[in-house]
Amino acid sequence: MNTDTMNQLKTRLKKMIVERLFLAVAPSDIADDAPLMETYDIDSVALFELVVGLEDEFGISLEDADFQVSAFQTVNSMADFVSKKAE
């Protein structure tokens, strides 16, 4: 995935995170490498909402075996995960 495509993916992810979790921040304020769990108090319910958001927004399907909390640590890790699942 080229840099422009990856940046577009990260922008979409940030927008989805803000919308799904009702965060009071602008998507552009989320740093690519910010620890999402700690920075935005993401609990297991919010994490599930992000999984559903990925499935809805990007048309990917997540099986139990696919799920790793590490994939949801940062926008960068989520973008890597989505790009691999979309291949």
Protein backbone atom coordinates (compact mmCIF):
# COMPACT_ATOMS: atom_id res chain seq x y z
CA MET A 1 0.00 0.00 0.00
CA ASN A 2 1.51 3.34 -1.00
CA THR A 3 1.90 6.28 1.40
CA ASP A 4 -1.06 8.28 0.05
CA THR A 5 -3.38 5.28 0.30
CA MET A 6 -2.15 4.52 3.84
CA ASN A 7 -2.72 8.16 4.87
CA GLN A 8 -6.26 8.03 3.45
CA LEU A 9 -6.87 4.82 5.38
CA LYS A 10 -5.66 6.44 8.61
CA THR A 11 -7.93 9.44 8.02
CA ARG A 12 -10.93 7.13 7.56
CA LEU A 13 -9.97 5.17 10.68
CA LYS A 14 -9.72 8.33 12.79
CA LYS A 15 -13.13 9.50 11.60
CA MET A 16 -14.64 6.09 12.35
CA ILE A 17 -13.07 6.04 15.83
CA VAL A 18 -14.46 9.48 16.70
CA GLU A 19 -17.93 8.65 15.35
CA ARG A 20 -18.21 5.17 16.85
CA LEU A 21 -16.93 6.16 20.28
CA PHE A 22 -18.58 9.59 20.39
CA LEU A 23 -15.24 11.21 21.20
CA ALA A 24 -15.15 14.95 21.77
CA VAL A 25 -12.06 15.40 19.61
CA ALA A 26 -11.49 16.14 15.95
CA PRO A 27 -10.30 13.12 13.96
CA SER A 28 -7.23 15.12 12.93
CA ASP A 29 -6.30 15.51 16.63
CA ILE A 30 -5.71 11.77 17.02
CA ALA A 31 -2.02 11.06 16.55
CA ASP A 32 -1.16 8.06 14.40
CA ASP A 33 0.97 6.57 17.19
CA ALA A 34 -1.13 7.62 20.21
CA PRO A 35 -2.01 4.72 22.53
CA LEU A 36 -5.76 4.61 21.90
CA MET A 37 -6.73 2.43 24.88
CA GLU A 38 -5.05 4.72 27.41
CA THR A 39 -5.63 8.08 25.71
CA TYR A 40 -9.35 7.58 25.08
CA ASP A 41 -10.24 5.10 27.88
CA ILE A 42 -11.26 2.39 25.42
CA ASP A 43 -12.77 -0.54 27.30
CA SER A 44 -13.97 -3.91 26.01
CA VAL A 45 -17.37 -2.51 24.93
CA ALA A 46 -15.71 0.33 23.00
CA LEU A 47 -13.24 -2.13 21.50
CA PHE A 48 -16.13 -4.25 20.23
CA GLU A 49 -17.67 -1.11 18.71
CA LEU A 50 -14.40 -0.50 16.85
CA VAL A 51 -14.45 -4.08 15.53
CA VAL A 52 -18.00 -3.57 14.22
CA GLY A 53 -16.89 -0.22 12.77
CA LEU A 54 -14.04 -1.88 10.87
CA GLU A 55 -16.39 -4.48 9.47
CA ASP A 56 -18.95 -1.85 8.42
CA GLU A 57 -16.56 0.82 7.15
CA PHE A 58 -14.04 -1.38 5.36
CA GLY A 59 -16.11 -4.44 4.44
CA ILE A 60 -13.79 -6.83 6.22
CA SER A 61 -14.84 -9.75 8.36
CA LEU A 62 -13.10 -10.47 11.64
CA GLU A 63 -13.06 -14.00 12.98
CA ASP A 64 -12.18 -14.78 16.59
CA ALA A 65 -8.76 -15.99 15.44
CA ASP A 66 -8.12 -12.60 13.76
CA PHE A 67 -8.77 -10.59 16.87
CA GLN A 68 -5.74 -9.32 18.74
CA VAL A 69 -5.88 -6.35 21.07
CA SER A 70 -2.47 -5.28 19.77
CA ALA A 71 -4.09 -4.47 16.40
CA PHE A 72 -6.14 -1.77 18.15
CA GLN A 73 -3.36 -0.08 20.10
CA THR A 74 -2.80 2.84 17.71
CA VAL A 75 -4.14 4.20 14.43
CA ASN A 76 -0.94 2.89 12.81
CA SER A 77 -1.55 -0.66 14.09
CA MET A 78 -5.20 -0.52 13.01
CA ALA A 79 -4.20 0.69 9.53
CA ASP A 80 -1.69 -2.16 9.20
CA PHE A 81 -4.34 -4.65 10.33
CA VAL A 82 -6.99 -3.33 7.91
CA SER A 83 -4.59 -3.22 4.97
CA LYS A 84 -3.60 -6.86 5.57
CA LYS A 85 -7.23 -7.99 5.96
CA ALA A 86 -8.26 -6.15 2.80
CA GLU A 87 -5.69 -7.96 0.63
